[in-house]
């Protein structure tokens, strides 16, 4: 029976399944996108073995660790892999590509599967992500979708993807809408490392010969930083501006932020953070509108007083191509309207002298 082979980060797409055998805590912080987690030692077991190693002896720790690893591998084999065919080609990795992935790969190899280990493990993968995020963004032609808050930029990105366009939806990857009210309900933001991995994975699937559409962002989305090379490329790319009447914007925002309408107390708490910018009198006015459920008036006032001035300042500062950008007008917020704008964008890709519409 041949020994498990080794593979590089560049070869990851060649495998049928990627198995991360690190603990659940390590996996939650970051992992290869699409990998499944089958810990050979979970967080509690790692802590236990580590304590024995330090306080008793390395030999005692290895004995107990081996028993735990063997039991966990047997459980994963029973629960996850017994139905895999003989032709299945998995890749296994741990922190350094050492003992944890080695033990798991050995068992899978003895079964008869063509298993490989990631050379250098997660540490090598992470170095590759960092290096690629410095290089990859500059390999693409980006078209940055700009527009005031509520004009439907995220909806346009979804329509572009559905129509076959290449879309990098940073707010979806960051689980945040990029504003003071941007936290998604029941969806915490990923770690910075995981955010980097998700961007790296998305960029790796794109065709450099085609345009990649991305929404205009600042350096941070919630608590997460956009990779410097990516934000720099975005700021120096061509733009398209999405415009829509304020009543359309109000309707779109009330759909997107329906959770605040259902839980007004959480909205009040968020708006109180804006007191240093707008003063307590304005905040009290907004609270009154919330108490009366005057959502249209509240949303329109938030746009005019807070979001539009802030967005205009930021967009004018960072996107020098904005004055020559083509403007797209959204008169109604239905799927057919977004689909029509998406088709207009994609049709423009056929004109070699233009990056955007």
Protein backbone atom coordinates (compact mmCIF):
# COMPACT_ATOMS: atom_id res chain seq x y z
CA UNK A 1 0.00 0.00 0.00
CA UNK A 2 1.53 3.28 -1.09
CA UNK A 3 2.10 6.12 1.35
CA UNK A 4 -0.11 9.24 1.14
CA UNK A 5 1.16 11.75 -1.39
CA UNK A 6 1.69 15.45 -0.71
CA UNK A 7 -0.02 18.29 -2.55
CA UNK A 8 0.44 22.05 -2.81
CA UNK A 9 -2.07 24.84 -2.24
CA UNK A 10 -2.32 25.31 -6.01
CA UNK A 11 -3.58 21.72 -6.31
CA UNK A 12 -6.50 22.11 -3.90
CA UNK A 13 -9.15 22.25 -6.68
CA UNK A 14 -8.04 18.83 -7.93
CA UNK A 15 -9.46 16.93 -4.94
CA UNK A 16 -12.95 15.56 -4.36
CA UNK A 17 -13.00 16.62 -0.71
CA UNK A 18 -10.78 18.61 1.64
CA UNK A 19 -10.61 17.43 5.25
CA UNK A 20 -9.41 19.75 8.01
CA UNK A 21 -8.40 17.59 10.98
CA UNK A 22 -7.59 20.48 13.32
CA UNK A 23 -9.80 21.22 16.32
CA UNK A 24 -13.18 22.91 15.96
CA UNK A 25 -11.74 26.14 17.38
CA UNK A 26 -8.93 26.27 14.84
CA UNK A 27 -11.40 25.48 12.06
CA UNK A 28 -13.81 28.23 13.16
CA UNK A 29 -11.08 30.87 13.02
CA UNK A 30 -10.12 29.98 9.45
CA UNK A 31 -10.06 27.09 7.01
CA UNK A 32 -9.86 26.30 3.34
CA UNK A 33 -13.30 27.30 1.97
CA UNK A 34 -15.36 24.20 1.33
CA UNK A 35 -13.36 22.00 3.72
CA UNK A 36 -15.11 19.80 6.26
CA UNK A 37 -13.95 19.58 9.86
CA UNK A 38 -13.05 16.16 11.27
CA UNK A 39 -10.87 16.87 14.34
CA UNK A 40 -8.50 14.15 15.42
CA UNK A 41 -8.37 16.04 18.74
CA UNK A 42 -11.07 18.53 19.71
CA UNK A 43 -10.38 21.68 21.71
CA UNK A 44 -10.89 20.02 25.09
CA UNK A 45 -8.78 17.00 24.14
CA UNK A 46 -5.94 19.20 22.87
CA UNK A 47 -5.96 21.10 26.15
CA UNK A 48 -5.96 17.89 28.15
CA UNK A 49 -3.05 16.33 26.22
CA UNK A 50 -1.11 19.59 26.39
CA UNK A 51 -1.54 19.79 30.15
CA UNK A 52 -0.34 16.21 30.61
CA UNK A 53 2.64 16.93 28.35
CA UNK A 54 3.71 19.86 30.52
CA UNK A 55 2.80 18.61 33.98
CA UNK A 56 3.51 14.87 33.76
CA UNK A 57 5.55 13.71 30.77
CA UNK A 58 5.63 13.74 26.98
CA UNK A 59 5.36 9.92 26.96
CA UNK A 60 2.13 9.93 28.99
CA UNK A 61 0.73 12.65 26.74
CA UNK A 62 1.54 10.66 23.59
CA UNK A 63 -0.17 7.54 24.95
CA UNK A 64 -3.36 9.34 25.81
CA UNK A 65 -3.21 11.40 22.62
CA UNK A 66 -2.81 8.29 20.48
CA UNK A 67 -5.85 6.68 22.08
CA UNK A 68 -7.95 9.78 21.51
CA UNK A 69 -6.75 10.23 17.93
CA UNK A 70 -7.47 6.59 17.08
CA UNK A 71 -10.98 6.77 18.52
CA UNK A 72 -11.76 10.01 16.71
CA UNK A 73 -10.48 8.77 13.36
CA UNK A 74 -12.60 5.61 13.71
CA UNK A 75 -15.68 7.71 14.50
CA UNK A 76 -15.13 10.02 11.52
CA UNK A 77 -14.60 7.04 9.23
CA UNK A 78 -17.87 5.50 10.40
CA UNK A 79 -19.92 8.69 10.35
CA UNK A 80 -18.56 10.50 7.29
CA UNK A 81 -16.68 8.34 4.83
CA UNK A 82 -17.95 4.76 4.66
CA UNK A 83 -20.08 5.57 1.62
CA UNK A 84 -17.25 7.14 -0.38
CA UNK A 85 -16.37 5.18 -3.55
CA UNK A 86 -12.98 3.65 -4.25
CA UNK A 87 -12.19 6.48 -6.72
CA UNK A 88 -12.66 9.19 -4.05
CA UNK A 89 -9.61 11.48 -3.79
CA UNK A 90 -9.46 13.38 -0.49
CA UNK A 91 -6.88 15.87 0.74
CA UNK A 92 -6.14 16.10 4.47
CA UNK A 93 -4.46 18.93 6.34
CA UNK A 94 -3.67 20.01 9.90
CA UNK A 95 -1.68 22.91 11.33
CA UNK A 96 1.79 22.04 9.95
CA UNK A 97 1.07 19.00 7.82
CA UNK A 98 2.47 16.81 10.59
CA UNK A 99 1.21 14.15 12.95
CA UNK A 100 -2.51 14.91 12.98
CA UNK A 101 -2.97 14.88 9.21
CA UNK A 102 -0.41 12.08 8.92
CA UNK A 103 -2.39 9.78 11.19
CA UNK A 104 -5.67 10.50 9.42
CA UNK A 105 -4.17 10.14 5.94
CA UNK A 106 -2.54 6.83 6.84
CA UNK A 107 -5.87 5.28 7.80
CA UNK A 108 -7.60 6.53 4.64
CA UNK A 109 -4.69 5.30 2.55
CA UNK A 110 -4.84 1.83 4.12
CA UNK A 111 -8.48 1.61 3.13
CA UNK A 112 -7.40 2.08 -0.47
CA UNK A 113 -8.33 5.69 -1.22
CA UNK A 114 -5.89 7.96 -3.08
CA UNK A 115 -5.39 10.39 -0.22
CA UNK A 116 -2.94 13.29 -0.14
CA UNK A 117 -1.69 15.61 2.59
CA UNK A 118 -1.32 19.35 2.18
CA UNK A 119 2.38 20.07 2.27
CA UNK A 120 3.10 22.39 5.17
CA UNK A 121 -0.53 22.25 6.35
CA UNK A 122 -2.63 25.26 7.24
CA UNK A 123 0.43 27.47 7.85
CA UNK A 124 1.51 27.08 4.23
CA UNK A 125 -2.05 27.67 3.04
CA UNK A 126 -2.28 30.89 5.07
CA UNK A 127 1.00 32.19 3.64
CA UNK A 128 -0.31 31.48 0.13
CA UNK A 129 -3.54 33.38 0.85
CA UNK A 130 -1.60 36.43 2.08
CA UNK A 131 0.71 36.38 -0.94
CA UNK A 132 -2.12 35.86 -3.43
CA UNK A 133 -4.21 38.67 -1.97
CA UNK A 134 -1.34 41.01 -2.76
CA UNK A 135 -1.21 39.78 -6.36
CA UNK A 136 -4.64 38.58 -7.49
CA UNK A 137 -6.71 41.80 -7.28
CA UNK A 138 -4.44 43.52 -9.78
CA UNK A 139 -4.97 40.68 -12.28
CA UNK A 140 -8.64 41.60 -12.83
CA UNK A 141 -10.62 44.36 -14.50
CA UNK A 142 -12.95 45.58 -11.79
CA UNK A 143 -16.14 47.53 -12.30
CA UNK A 144 -17.14 49.23 -9.06
CA UNK A 145 -20.87 49.69 -8.48
CA UNK A 146 -21.38 53.02 -6.71
CA UNK A 147 -24.55 54.72 -5.53
CA UNK A 148 -26.15 56.27 -2.47
CA UNK A 149 -27.41 54.05 0.33
CA UNK A 150 -30.57 52.23 -0.66
CA UNK A 151 -30.18 52.51 -4.41
CA UNK A 152 -30.04 48.72 -4.72
CA UNK A 153 -26.33 48.03 -5.25
CA UNK A 154 -26.46 44.62 -3.54
CA UNK A 155 -29.57 43.69 -5.51
CA UNK A 156 -27.80 44.64 -8.74
CA UNK A 157 -24.85 42.44 -7.80
CA UNK A 158 -27.22 39.52 -7.25
CA UNK A 159 -28.87 40.17 -10.61
CA UNK A 160 -25.46 40.30 -12.28
CA UNK A 161 -24.50 36.95 -10.75
CA UNK A 162 -27.81 35.38 -11.79
CA UNK A 163 -27.25 36.65 -15.33
CA UNK A 164 -23.81 35.03 -15.50
CA UNK A 165 -21.62 37.94 -14.42
CA UNK A 166 -18.54 37.65 -12.23
CA UNK A 167 -19.40 39.19 -8.87
CA UNK A 168 -17.31 39.74 -5.77
CA UNK A 169 -19.90 40.47 -3.07
CA UNK A 170 -17.73 41.68 -0.20
CA UNK A 171 -20.66 42.52 2.09
CA UNK A 172 -22.06 39.01 1.70
CA UNK A 173 -18.64 37.51 2.49
CA UNK A 174 -18.25 39.84 5.48
CA UNK A 175 -21.82 39.19 6.73
CA UNK A 176 -22.29 42.94 7.09
CA UNK A 177 -23.92 45.72 5.08
CA UNK A 178 -21.14 48.19 5.73
CA UNK A 179 -22.88 50.82 7.87
CA UNK A 180 -23.76 51.57 11.48
CA UNK A 181 -26.88 49.44 10.99
CA UNK A 182 -25.04 46.85 8.93
CA UNK A 183 -24.88 43.86 11.28
CA UNK A 184 -26.96 40.98 9.95
CA UNK A 185 -29.39 39.33 12.40
CA UNK A 186 -28.17 35.94 13.65
CA UNK A 187 -25.12 36.09 11.36
CA UNK A 188 -21.91 37.10 13.13
CA UNK A 189 -19.04 38.33 11.01
CA UNK A 190 -16.32 35.80 10.21
CA UNK A 191 -12.81 36.23 11.56
CA UNK A 192 -10.42 38.40 9.57
CA UNK A 193 -8.52 35.31 8.43
CA UNK A 194 -11.73 33.61 7.28
CA UNK A 195 -12.77 36.77 5.42
CA UNK A 196 -9.39 36.73 3.66
CA UNK A 197 -9.90 33.08 2.73
CA UNK A 198 -13.36 33.71 1.32
CA UNK A 199 -12.08 36.58 -0.84
CA UNK A 200 -9.10 34.47 -1.97
CA UNK A 201 -11.41 31.60 -2.93
CA UNK A 202 -13.77 33.90 -4.86
CA UNK A 203 -10.94 35.59 -6.77
CA UNK A 204 -9.46 32.22 -7.63
CA UNK A 205 -12.64 31.24 -9.50
CA UNK A 206 -12.75 34.31 -11.74
CA UNK A 207 -11.69 34.57 -15.38
CA UNK A 208 -9.19 37.46 -15.74
CA UNK A 209 -10.44 38.06 -19.28
CA UNK A 210 -13.83 39.17 -17.96
CA UNK A 211 -14.98 42.05 -15.79
CA UNK A 212 -15.48 41.48 -12.05
CA UNK A 213 -18.27 43.55 -10.47
CA UNK A 214 -17.85 44.73 -6.89
CA UNK A 215 -19.69 47.22 -4.71
CA UNK A 216 -17.88 50.37 -3.61
CA UNK A 217 -16.55 49.99 -0.07
CA UNK A 218 -14.33 51.75 2.40
CA UNK A 219 -11.34 50.07 4.02
CA UNK A 220 -13.50 48.30 6.60
CA UNK A 221 -16.78 46.40 6.42
CA UNK A 222 -17.98 46.21 9.98
CA UNK A 223 -14.92 45.10 11.95
CA UNK A 224 -13.22 43.47 8.95
CA UNK A 225 -10.51 45.01 6.78
CA UNK A 226 -10.66 44.71 3.02
CA UNK A 227 -7.22 43.47 1.83
CA UNK A 228 -5.09 46.52 0.95
CA UNK A 229 -4.30 45.46 -2.61
CA UNK A 230 -7.98 44.84 -3.29
CA UNK A 231 -9.23 48.15 -1.90
CA UNK A 232 -6.45 50.00 -3.76
CA UNK A 233 -7.45 48.29 -7.02
CA UNK A 234 -11.11 49.12 -6.39
CA UNK A 235 -10.36 52.78 -5.74
CA UNK A 236 -8.47 53.00 -9.02
CA UNK A 237 -11.00 51.12 -11.16
CA UNK A 238 -13.78 52.27 -13.47
CA UNK A 239 -17.19 52.82 -11.90
CA UNK A 240 -20.87 52.68 -12.68
CA UNK A 241 -23.33 54.72 -10.61
CA UNK A 242 -26.74 53.36 -9.64
CA UNK A 243 -29.41 56.01 -8.99
CA UNK A 244 -33.01 55.71 -7.84
CA UNK A 245 -35.73 58.04 -6.43
CA UNK A 246 -35.82 58.42 -2.67
CA UNK A 247 -39.16 56.62 -2.38
CA UNK A 248 -37.63 53.57 -4.09
CA UNK A 249 -34.61 53.75 -1.81
CA UNK A 250 -36.84 53.95 1.28
CA UNK A 251 -38.75 50.86 0.17
CA UNK A 252 -35.58 48.89 -0.53
CA UNK A 253 -34.04 49.79 2.82
CA UNK A 254 -37.17 48.84 4.74
CA UNK A 255 -37.05 45.43 3.06
CA UNK A 256 -33.36 44.92 3.81
CA UNK A 257 -33.57 46.13 7.41
CA UNK A 258 -36.92 44.55 8.30
CA UNK A 259 -35.36 43.05 11.44
CA UNK A 260 -35.01 46.55 12.91
CA UNK A 261 -38.66 47.30 12.20
CA UNK A 262 -39.56 44.13 14.09
CA UNK A 263 -37.20 44.94 16.98
CA UNK A 264 -37.29 48.76 17.41
CA UNK A 265 -35.26 48.69 20.63
CA UNK A 266 -32.20 47.43 18.78
CA UNK A 267 -32.61 50.22 16.21
CA UNK A 268 -32.77 52.84 18.97
CA UNK A 269 -29.55 51.48 20.49
CA UNK A 270 -27.77 51.74 17.14
CA UNK A 271 -28.98 55.26 16.43
CA UNK A 272 -27.87 56.51 19.84
CA UNK A 273 -24.30 55.92 18.68
CA UNK A 274 -24.82 58.72 16.16
CA UNK A 275 -25.48 61.38 18.82
CA UNK A 276 -21.93 62.82 18.60
CA UNK A 277 -22.49 63.41 14.87
CA UNK A 278 -26.05 64.75 14.85
CA UNK A 279 -26.81 65.90 18.37
CA UNK A 280 -29.34 64.66 20.91
CA UNK A 281 -32.24 66.64 19.47
CA UNK A 282 -32.03 64.76 16.15
CA UNK A 283 -31.69 61.42 17.93
CA UNK A 284 -34.79 62.19 20.01
CA UNK A 285 -36.70 63.02 16.84
CA UNK A 286 -35.71 59.68 15.34
CA UNK A 287 -36.78 57.90 18.54
CA UNK A 288 -40.19 59.56 18.31
CA UNK A 289 -40.59 58.39 14.72
CA UNK A 290 -39.65 54.87 15.81
CA UNK A 291 -42.18 54.96 18.65
CA UNK A 292 -44.89 56.02 16.18
CA UNK A 293 -43.75 53.43 13.61
CA UNK A 294 -43.27 56.20 11.05
CA UNK A 295 -40.80 54.11 9.10
CA UNK A 296 -40.94 55.96 5.77
CA UNK A 297 -40.30 59.33 7.38
CA UNK A 298 -37.55 57.93 9.59
CA UNK A 299 -35.77 56.20 6.71
CA UNK A 300 -35.93 59.25 4.47
CA UNK A 301 -34.59 61.49 7.23
CA UNK A 302 -31.74 59.08 7.97
CA UNK A 303 -30.82 59.11 4.30
CA UNK A 304 -30.86 62.88 3.95
CA UNK A 305 -29.19 63.73 7.27
CA UNK A 306 -26.70 60.89 7.73
CA UNK A 307 -26.16 58.41 4.95
CA UNK A 308 -26.13 60.59 1.83
CA UNK A 309 -23.63 63.19 3.12
CA UNK A 310 -21.34 60.53 4.58
CA UNK A 311 -21.45 58.37 1.45
CA UNK A 312 -20.88 61.33 -0.88
CA UNK A 313 -17.81 62.46 1.06
CA UNK A 314 -16.32 58.97 1.06
CA UNK A 315 -17.07 58.14 -2.56
CA UNK A 316 -15.75 61.45 -3.90
CA UNK A 317 -12.54 61.00 -1.93
CA UNK A 318 -11.73 57.44 -2.94
CA UNK A 319 -13.07 56.91 -6.48
CA UNK A 320 -11.44 59.35 -8.93
CA UNK A 321 -13.12 57.65 -11.92
CA UNK A 322 -16.56 58.58 -10.58
CA UNK A 323 -17.06 61.77 -12.68
CA UNK A 324 -16.85 59.78 -15.93
CA UNK A 325 -18.94 56.85 -14.71
CA UNK A 326 -22.08 55.84 -16.59
CA UNK A 327 -25.26 56.32 -14.58
CA UNK A 328 -27.89 53.58 -14.33
CA UNK A 329 -31.39 54.65 -13.31
CA UNK A 330 -33.58 52.34 -11.23
CA UNK A 331 -37.19 53.53 -11.29
CA UNK A 332 -38.77 50.55 -9.55
CA UNK A 333 -37.40 47.87 -7.21
CA UNK A 334 -38.61 44.68 -8.87
CA UNK A 335 -36.56 41.77 -10.17
CA UNK A 336 -37.15 42.62 -13.83
CA UNK A 337 -35.76 46.13 -13.37
CA UNK A 338 -32.56 44.82 -11.77
CA UNK A 339 -32.29 42.11 -14.44
CA UNK A 340 -32.50 44.75 -17.19
CA UNK A 341 -29.71 46.80 -15.61
CA UNK A 342 -27.60 43.65 -15.20
CA UNK A 343 -28.01 42.80 -18.88
CA UNK A 344 -26.94 46.32 -19.80
CA UNK A 345 -23.77 45.91 -17.74
CA UNK A 346 -22.96 42.50 -19.19
CA UNK A 347 -23.62 43.61 -22.76
CA UNK A 348 -21.01 46.32 -22.31
CA UNK A 349 -18.35 43.67 -21.62
CA UNK A 350 -18.46 42.84 -25.33
CA UNK A 351 -17.09 46.30 -26.13
CA UNK A 352 -13.30 45.91 -25.67
CA UNK A 353 -12.62 49.61 -25.23
CA UNK A 354 -14.94 49.87 -22.23
CA UNK A 355 -14.70 48.24 -18.83
CA UNK A 356 -18.15 49.22 -17.58
CA UNK A 357 -21.37 50.40 -19.22
